[in-house]
Each structure stands twice: as C-alpha cells, then as structure tokens.
Amino acid sequence: MSKEFLIGNEIIVKAARAAGAEIMFGYPITPTTEIMSYWTKISEKDENDQIKFLQAEDEMAAGFAMIGAVLGGKKAFTATSGPGNILMQDPMSMAEAMRLPTVTFIMQRGGPSTGTVIYSQQELILTSHGGNGEGMRIV
C-alpha cells in the first residue's frame, strides 16, 4: 500500500468525491481556496465530464447555487470560512426551511481582518446556532 502526504483541504476534496459529490460552488476565501483549487484539478481530469465547478460572485451566491443544484437532484457542496460563514447564514437558513440536505465546509480563519484564533469558538457558535434558528444543523 502506497503512502500519500496530504493536507486537510486535499482530504476534504477526496472525501467529497468518495461521497459522490458532483458539483462544488465556491468563492475564493482563505483558507478554503485550496479546496476549490483541488476540486477544479479533478474536474479537469474527469473524462466523463461528471465533476463540475462554478465560481460564484460571492459566498451568498455559492450557497444559493448549491441549493439550486440540490433541488435539481445533484450532490453539491460549498466551502467557506470566517466572513463567508456570516454571508452563508441566509442560504443555510433557506435550506433549513426547505428541509434540504446541504454540505458546507466551514474553516476557521484567523488574522487581523476577523480577529485572532484565540476566539476559536465563534465560528462554531455561528455555524451551530446562526440563521433563523429553525433548522437542525449537524456540525
């Protein structure tokens, strides 16, 4: 058995693909930009043209596009972090109200623009209890 050295974002892409994900909607934001990069690499190599990617104009558009794909019967996902998580609360709330299963990878982003990593529970609280509060989120 061969060994591979992988970083977390590569593992996310491999796991999404192994779970049958067909399309990713995203907007570049550190540190999830690598997920988009790895996903586009495998989509370019896909000979059957079954793996798709769409870069949205912002995080909200990525979230709503994911909802549209799920409504169309596709296994779709998105990824974001920090400030993008705040913008994703609207599409997440809509998906909850519609009782749609969605997958969103949310990564912690530390730094001067969003505070430091010492406040590491903020993204967890927002992700778990954000939005309109009517849905069940598995975190």
N, C-alpha and C. Protein backbone atom coordinates (compact mmCIF):
# COMPACT_ATOMS: atom_id res chain seq x y z
N MET A 1 0.85 -1.18 0.00
CA MET A 1 0.00 0.00 0.00
C MET A 1 0.89 1.24 0.00
N SER A 2 0.64 2.14 -0.92
CA SER A 2 1.45 3.35 -1.00
C SER A 2 0.97 4.38 0.01
N LYS A 3 1.88 5.22 0.40
CA LYS A 3 1.56 6.28 1.35
C LYS A 3 1.49 7.61 0.62
N GLU A 4 0.58 8.45 1.06
CA GLU A 4 0.45 9.78 0.50
C GLU A 4 0.57 10.80 1.62
N PHE A 5 1.16 11.92 1.32
CA PHE A 5 1.18 13.04 2.25
C PHE A 5 0.15 14.05 1.76
N LEU A 6 -0.90 14.24 2.52
CA LEU A 6 -2.00 15.11 2.12
C LEU A 6 -2.23 16.19 3.17
N ILE A 7 -2.68 17.34 2.71
CA ILE A 7 -3.11 18.37 3.64
C ILE A 7 -4.63 18.27 3.80
N GLY A 8 -5.16 18.92 4.81
CA GLY A 8 -6.59 18.81 5.13
C GLY A 8 -7.51 19.13 3.97
N ASN A 9 -7.20 20.15 3.20
CA ASN A 9 -8.09 20.53 2.09
C ASN A 9 -8.12 19.47 0.99
N GLU A 10 -7.00 18.80 0.77
CA GLU A 10 -6.99 17.69 -0.19
C GLU A 10 -7.88 16.55 0.30
N ILE A 11 -7.83 16.29 1.59
CA ILE A 11 -8.64 15.21 2.16
C ILE A 11 -10.13 15.54 2.04
N ILE A 12 -10.48 16.81 2.23
CA ILE A 12 -11.88 17.23 2.07
C ILE A 12 -12.36 16.93 0.66
N VAL A 13 -11.55 17.26 -0.33
CA VAL A 13 -11.93 17.01 -1.73
C VAL A 13 -12.05 15.51 -1.99
N LYS A 14 -11.10 14.74 -1.51
CA LYS A 14 -11.17 13.28 -1.70
C LYS A 14 -12.41 12.70 -1.01
N ALA A 15 -12.71 13.19 0.18
CA ALA A 15 -13.89 12.70 0.91
C ALA A 15 -15.18 13.09 0.19
N ALA A 16 -15.24 14.32 -0.31
CA ALA A 16 -16.43 14.77 -1.04
C ALA A 16 -16.64 13.91 -2.28
N ARG A 17 -15.56 13.65 -2.97
CA ARG A 17 -15.67 12.82 -4.18
C ARG A 17 -16.07 11.39 -3.83
N ALA A 18 -15.49 10.84 -2.77
CA ALA A 18 -15.83 9.48 -2.34
C ALA A 18 -17.29 9.38 -1.91
N ALA A 19 -17.84 10.49 -1.41
CA ALA A 19 -19.25 10.52 -1.01
C ALA A 19 -20.18 10.74 -2.20
N GLY A 20 -19.62 10.94 -3.37
CA GLY A 20 -20.44 11.08 -4.57
C GLY A 20 -20.74 12.50 -4.98
N ALA A 21 -20.04 13.47 -4.40
CA ALA A 21 -20.28 14.87 -4.78
C ALA A 21 -20.02 15.06 -6.27
N GLU A 22 -20.91 15.82 -6.90
CA GLU A 22 -20.82 16.03 -8.35
C GLU A 22 -20.43 17.45 -8.71
N ILE A 23 -20.76 18.40 -7.84
CA ILE A 23 -20.51 19.80 -8.18
C ILE A 23 -20.19 20.60 -6.93
N MET A 24 -19.25 21.51 -7.08
CA MET A 24 -18.89 22.43 -6.00
C MET A 24 -19.15 23.84 -6.46
N PHE A 25 -19.74 24.62 -5.58
CA PHE A 25 -19.91 26.05 -5.80
C PHE A 25 -19.05 26.75 -4.77
N GLY A 26 -18.27 27.72 -5.20
CA GLY A 26 -17.40 28.38 -4.24
C GLY A 26 -17.05 29.79 -4.63
N TYR A 27 -16.46 30.47 -3.66
CA TYR A 27 -15.92 31.81 -3.84
C TYR A 27 -14.58 31.82 -3.12
N PRO A 28 -13.54 32.34 -3.74
CA PRO A 28 -12.21 32.26 -3.13
C PRO A 28 -12.13 33.04 -1.81
N ILE A 29 -11.81 32.34 -0.76
CA ILE A 29 -11.57 32.96 0.55
C ILE A 29 -10.61 32.04 1.31
N THR A 30 -9.57 32.62 1.83
CA THR A 30 -8.59 31.85 2.58
C THR A 30 -9.23 31.33 3.85
N PRO A 31 -9.02 30.12 4.24
CA PRO A 31 -8.14 29.08 3.70
C PRO A 31 -8.85 28.04 2.83
N THR A 32 -10.06 28.31 2.38
CA THR A 32 -10.79 27.31 1.59
C THR A 32 -10.52 27.39 0.09
N THR A 33 -9.75 28.35 -0.34
CA THR A 33 -9.44 28.47 -1.76
C THR A 33 -8.76 27.21 -2.29
N GLU A 34 -7.98 26.55 -1.43
CA GLU A 34 -7.31 25.31 -1.85
C GLU A 34 -8.32 24.22 -2.18
N ILE A 35 -9.45 24.19 -1.48
CA ILE A 35 -10.48 23.19 -1.79
C ILE A 35 -10.97 23.39 -3.22
N MET A 36 -11.23 24.65 -3.58
CA MET A 36 -11.65 24.96 -4.96
C MET A 36 -10.57 24.54 -5.95
N SER A 37 -9.33 24.82 -5.60
CA SER A 37 -8.22 24.50 -6.50
C SER A 37 -8.11 23.00 -6.73
N TYR A 38 -8.16 22.22 -5.66
CA TYR A 38 -8.08 20.76 -5.81
C TYR A 38 -9.30 20.21 -6.55
N TRP A 39 -10.48 20.78 -6.26
CA TRP A 39 -11.70 20.29 -6.93
C TRP A 39 -11.61 20.56 -8.44
N THR A 40 -11.14 21.75 -8.82
CA THR A 40 -11.04 22.04 -10.25
C THR A 40 -10.01 21.14 -10.93
N LYS A 41 -8.96 20.77 -10.21
CA LYS A 41 -7.97 19.85 -10.80
C LYS A 41 -8.59 18.51 -11.14
N ILE A 42 -9.41 17.97 -10.22
CA ILE A 42 -10.02 16.67 -10.53
C ILE A 42 -11.13 16.82 -11.57
N SER A 43 -11.77 17.98 -11.60
CA SER A 43 -12.83 18.17 -12.62
C SER A 43 -12.23 18.28 -14.02
N GLU A 44 -11.03 18.87 -14.12
CA GLU A 44 -10.37 18.98 -15.42
C GLU A 44 -9.92 17.61 -15.93
N LYS A 45 -9.62 16.70 -15.02
CA LYS A 45 -9.17 15.35 -15.40
C LYS A 45 -10.33 14.40 -15.65
N ASP A 46 -11.53 14.82 -15.34
CA ASP A 46 -12.71 13.95 -15.45
C ASP A 46 -13.07 13.75 -16.92
N GLU A 47 -12.82 12.56 -17.43
CA GLU A 47 -13.08 12.27 -18.84
C GLU A 47 -14.57 12.18 -19.16
N ASN A 48 -15.38 11.84 -18.17
CA ASN A 48 -16.83 11.71 -18.39
C ASN A 48 -17.58 13.01 -18.17
N ASP A 49 -16.87 14.04 -17.79
CA ASP A 49 -17.46 15.37 -17.55
C ASP A 49 -18.60 15.32 -16.52
N GLN A 50 -18.37 14.54 -15.46
CA GLN A 50 -19.38 14.41 -14.41
C GLN A 50 -19.09 15.31 -13.21
N ILE A 51 -17.87 15.81 -13.10
CA ILE A 51 -17.48 16.64 -11.95
C ILE A 51 -17.45 18.09 -12.41
N LYS A 52 -18.24 18.91 -11.75
CA LYS A 52 -18.40 20.31 -12.17
C LYS A 52 -17.95 21.26 -11.06
N PHE A 53 -17.66 22.49 -11.47
CA PHE A 53 -17.30 23.55 -10.52
C PHE A 53 -17.82 24.88 -11.06
N LEU A 54 -18.34 25.69 -10.16
CA LEU A 54 -18.75 27.04 -10.53
C LEU A 54 -18.24 28.01 -9.48
N GLN A 55 -17.44 28.98 -9.92
CA GLN A 55 -17.01 30.05 -9.01
C GLN A 55 -18.08 31.12 -9.03
N ALA A 56 -18.70 31.34 -7.89
CA ALA A 56 -19.77 32.32 -7.76
C ALA A 56 -19.19 33.71 -7.52
N GLU A 57 -20.07 34.71 -7.61
CA GLU A 57 -19.61 36.09 -7.41
C GLU A 57 -19.43 36.44 -5.94
N ASP A 58 -20.01 35.68 -5.04
CA ASP A 58 -19.81 35.86 -3.61
C ASP A 58 -20.29 34.61 -2.88
N GLU A 59 -20.10 34.61 -1.56
CA GLU A 59 -20.47 33.43 -0.78
C GLU A 59 -21.97 33.16 -0.79
N MET A 60 -22.77 34.21 -0.75
CA MET A 60 -24.22 34.01 -0.78
C MET A 60 -24.65 33.32 -2.07
N ALA A 61 -24.10 33.77 -3.18
CA ALA A 61 -24.44 33.16 -4.47
C ALA A 61 -24.01 31.69 -4.50
N ALA A 62 -22.86 31.39 -3.91
CA ALA A 62 -22.41 30.00 -3.86
C ALA A 62 -23.38 29.15 -3.05
N GLY A 63 -23.85 29.68 -1.93
CA GLY A 63 -24.81 28.95 -1.10
C GLY A 63 -26.13 28.73 -1.80
N PHE A 64 -26.64 29.77 -2.44
CA PHE A 64 -27.92 29.63 -3.15
C PHE A 64 -27.79 28.73 -4.38
N ALA A 65 -26.64 28.78 -5.06
CA ALA A 65 -26.41 27.89 -6.20
C ALA A 65 -26.38 26.44 -5.75
N MET A 66 -25.76 26.20 -4.59
CA MET A 66 -25.74 24.85 -4.05
C MET A 66 -27.17 24.35 -3.80
N ILE A 67 -28.01 25.22 -3.25
CA ILE A 67 -29.41 24.86 -3.01
C ILE A 67 -30.10 24.50 -4.33
N GLY A 68 -29.86 25.30 -5.37
CA GLY A 68 -30.45 25.02 -6.68
C GLY A 68 -30.02 23.67 -7.22
N ALA A 69 -28.74 23.34 -7.04
CA ALA A 69 -28.25 22.05 -7.51
C ALA A 69 -28.89 20.90 -6.74
N VAL A 70 -29.02 21.07 -5.42
CA VAL A 70 -29.66 20.03 -4.61
C VAL A 70 -31.12 19.85 -5.02
N LEU A 71 -31.80 20.96 -5.29
CA LEU A 71 -33.19 20.87 -5.77
C LEU A 71 -33.26 20.14 -7.11
N GLY A 72 -32.20 20.27 -7.90
CA GLY A 72 -32.14 19.59 -9.19
C GLY A 72 -31.66 18.15 -9.09
N GLY A 73 -31.45 17.66 -7.87
CA GLY A 73 -31.07 16.28 -7.68
C GLY A 73 -29.59 15.99 -7.68
N LYS A 74 -28.76 17.03 -7.63
CA LYS A 74 -27.32 16.84 -7.64
C LYS A 74 -26.76 16.78 -6.22
N LYS A 75 -25.65 16.07 -6.08
CA LYS A 75 -24.92 16.07 -4.81
C LYS A 75 -23.91 17.21 -4.90
N ALA A 76 -24.24 18.30 -4.22
CA ALA A 76 -23.44 19.52 -4.32
C ALA A 76 -22.93 19.92 -2.94
N PHE A 77 -21.86 20.72 -2.95
CA PHE A 77 -21.35 21.26 -1.70
C PHE A 77 -20.68 22.60 -1.95
N THR A 78 -20.37 23.27 -0.85
CA THR A 78 -19.64 24.52 -0.92
C THR A 78 -18.67 24.57 0.25
N ALA A 79 -17.80 25.55 0.25
CA ALA A 79 -16.83 25.72 1.34
C ALA A 79 -16.61 27.21 1.56
N THR A 80 -16.41 27.58 2.81
CA THR A 80 -16.17 28.97 3.15
C THR A 80 -15.45 29.06 4.49
N SER A 81 -15.19 30.26 4.93
CA SER A 81 -14.57 30.48 6.23
C SER A 81 -14.88 31.89 6.71
N GLY A 82 -14.69 32.11 7.99
CA GLY A 82 -14.79 33.43 8.60
C GLY A 82 -15.93 34.29 8.10
N PRO A 83 -15.61 35.39 7.41
CA PRO A 83 -16.64 36.31 6.94
C PRO A 83 -17.62 35.66 5.97
N GLY A 84 -17.16 34.70 5.20
CA GLY A 84 -18.05 34.00 4.28
C GLY A 84 -19.11 33.19 5.01
N ASN A 85 -18.75 32.69 6.19
CA ASN A 85 -19.71 31.95 7.01
C ASN A 85 -20.87 32.85 7.42
N ILE A 86 -20.57 34.10 7.70
CA ILE A 86 -21.62 35.06 8.05
C ILE A 86 -22.57 35.24 6.87
N LEU A 87 -22.02 35.40 5.68
CA LEU A 87 -22.85 35.57 4.49
C LEU A 87 -23.62 34.31 4.13
N MET A 88 -23.09 33.15 4.50
CA MET A 88 -23.75 31.88 4.19
C MET A 88 -24.98 31.63 5.06
N GLN A 89 -25.19 32.41 6.10
CA GLN A 89 -26.31 32.14 7.00
C GLN A 89 -27.66 32.26 6.29
N ASP A 90 -27.77 33.15 5.33
CA ASP A 90 -29.03 33.30 4.60
C ASP A 90 -29.36 32.05 3.78
N PRO A 91 -28.44 31.58 2.92
CA PRO A 91 -28.76 30.34 2.20
C PRO A 91 -28.92 29.13 3.12
N MET A 92 -28.13 29.08 4.19
CA MET A 92 -28.28 27.96 5.13
C MET A 92 -29.67 27.95 5.76
N SER A 93 -30.14 29.13 6.13
CA SER A 93 -31.48 29.23 6.72
C SER A 93 -32.56 28.83 5.72
N MET A 94 -32.36 29.23 4.47
CA MET A 94 -33.34 28.86 3.44
C MET A 94 -33.37 27.35 3.24
N ALA A 95 -32.19 26.73 3.19
CA ALA A 95 -32.12 25.28 3.03
C ALA A 95 -32.78 24.57 4.21
N GLU A 96 -32.59 25.11 5.41
CA GLU A 96 -33.23 24.53 6.59
C GLU A 96 -34.74 24.63 6.49
N ALA A 97 -35.23 25.79 6.09
CA ALA A 97 -36.68 25.99 5.97
C ALA A 97 -37.28 25.05 4.93
N MET A 98 -36.50 24.76 3.88
CA MET A 98 -36.98 23.86 2.82
C MET A 98 -36.69 22.40 3.13
N ARG A 99 -36.00 22.16 4.25
CA ARG A 99 -35.62 20.81 4.68
C ARG A 99 -34.75 20.11 3.64
N LEU A 100 -33.80 20.88 3.09
CA LEU A 100 -32.88 20.32 2.10
C LEU A 100 -31.57 19.90 2.76
N PRO A 101 -31.06 18.76 2.40
CA PRO A 101 -29.74 18.38 2.91
C PRO A 101 -28.65 19.10 2.13
N THR A 102 -27.81 19.82 2.82
CA THR A 102 -26.70 20.52 2.17
C THR A 102 -25.41 20.23 2.93
N VAL A 103 -24.29 20.39 2.24
CA VAL A 103 -22.98 20.21 2.86
C VAL A 103 -22.18 21.48 2.63
N THR A 104 -21.72 22.06 3.73
CA THR A 104 -20.88 23.26 3.68
C THR A 104 -19.66 23.03 4.56
N PHE A 105 -18.49 23.10 3.98
CA PHE A 105 -17.26 23.01 4.76
C PHE A 105 -16.93 24.42 5.25
N ILE A 106 -16.80 24.56 6.55
CA ILE A 106 -16.50 25.87 7.14
C ILE A 106 -15.19 25.75 7.89
N MET A 107 -14.24 26.57 7.48
CA MET A 107 -12.92 26.52 8.08
C MET A 107 -12.66 27.78 8.90
N GLN A 108 -11.86 27.62 9.92
CA GLN A 108 -11.53 28.75 10.78
C GLN A 108 -10.53 29.66 10.08
N ARG A 109 -10.77 30.93 10.20
CA ARG A 109 -9.88 31.92 9.61
C ARG A 109 -9.45 32.90 10.68
N GLY A 110 -8.20 32.89 11.00
CA GLY A 110 -7.67 33.84 11.97
C GLY A 110 -6.89 34.93 11.27
N GLY A 111 -6.70 36.04 11.93
CA GLY A 111 -5.93 37.12 11.36
C GLY A 111 -6.52 38.47 11.68
N PRO A 112 -5.85 39.54 11.26
CA PRO A 112 -6.29 40.89 11.63
C PRO A 112 -7.68 41.26 11.14
N SER A 113 -8.13 40.67 10.03
CA SER A 113 -9.42 41.09 9.49
C SER A 113 -10.60 40.50 10.24
N THR A 114 -10.39 39.39 10.92
CA THR A 114 -11.51 38.72 11.58
C THR A 114 -11.22 38.36 13.02
N GLY A 115 -10.25 38.98 13.61
CA GLY A 115 -9.88 38.60 14.98
C GLY A 115 -8.80 37.55 14.93
N THR A 116 -8.45 37.05 16.07
CA THR A 116 -7.39 36.05 16.12
C THR A 116 -7.98 34.69 16.46
N VAL A 117 -7.17 33.69 16.35
CA VAL A 117 -7.66 32.34 16.58
C VAL A 117 -7.94 32.05 18.05
N ILE A 118 -7.61 32.98 18.94
CA ILE A 118 -7.92 32.72 20.36
C ILE A 118 -9.42 32.73 20.60
N TYR A 119 -10.19 33.32 19.68
CA TYR A 119 -11.65 33.30 19.79
C TYR A 119 -12.19 32.16 18.95
N SER A 120 -11.65 30.99 19.15
CA SER A 120 -11.91 29.88 18.23
C SER A 120 -13.31 29.29 18.30
N GLN A 121 -14.13 29.67 19.26
CA GLN A 121 -15.47 29.09 19.34
C GLN A 121 -16.51 29.91 18.59
N GLN A 122 -16.14 31.09 18.11
CA GLN A 122 -17.12 31.95 17.46
C GLN A 122 -17.69 31.33 16.20
N GLU A 123 -16.86 30.74 15.36
CA GLU A 123 -17.37 30.15 14.12
C GLU A 123 -18.23 28.92 14.42
N LEU A 124 -17.91 28.21 15.50
CA LEU A 124 -18.71 27.06 15.88
C LEU A 124 -20.10 27.49 16.37
N ILE A 125 -20.14 28.54 17.16
CA ILE A 125 -21.43 29.05 17.66
C ILE A 125 -22.27 29.56 16.50
N LEU A 126 -21.66 30.34 15.60
CA LEU A 126 -22.39 30.86 14.44
C LEU A 126 -22.91 29.73 13.56
N THR A 127 -22.06 28.75 13.31
CA THR A 127 -22.46 27.64 12.45
C THR A 127 -23.56 26.80 13.09
N SER A 128 -23.46 26.58 14.38
CA SER A 128 -24.44 25.73 15.08
C SER A 128 -25.77 26.41 15.30
N HIS A 129 -25.73 27.71 15.61
CA HIS A 129 -26.94 28.40 16.05
C HIS A 129 -27.30 29.62 15.20
N GLY A 130 -26.61 29.83 14.09
CA GLY A 130 -26.87 31.01 13.27
C GLY A 130 -28.15 30.90 12.47
N GLY A 131 -28.40 31.91 11.67
CA GLY A 131 -29.59 31.91 10.83
C GLY A 131 -30.85 32.18 11.61
N ASN A 132 -31.95 31.66 11.11
CA ASN A 132 -33.24 31.90 11.75
C ASN A 132 -33.50 30.98 12.92
N GLY A 133 -32.65 29.99 13.12
CA GLY A 133 -32.78 29.11 14.26
C GLY A 133 -33.85 28.06 14.16
N GLU A 134 -34.39 27.84 12.97
CA GLU A 134 -35.48 26.88 12.82
C GLU A 134 -35.01 25.51 12.35
N GLY A 135 -33.76 25.38 12.01
CA GLY A 135 -33.29 24.13 11.44
C GLY A 135 -32.37 23.37 12.37
N MET A 136 -32.12 22.16 11.99
CA MET A 136 -31.18 21.31 12.70
C MET A 136 -29.89 21.24 11.89
N ARG A 137 -28.82 21.68 12.48
CA ARG A 137 -27.53 21.65 11.80
C ARG A 137 -26.65 20.60 12.45
N ILE A 138 -26.06 19.77 11.64
CA ILE A 138 -25.10 18.78 12.12
C ILE A 138 -23.73 19.39 11.94
N VAL A 139 -23.05 19.62 13.03
CA VAL A 139 -21.74 20.27 12.98
C VAL A 139 -20.68 19.29 13.45
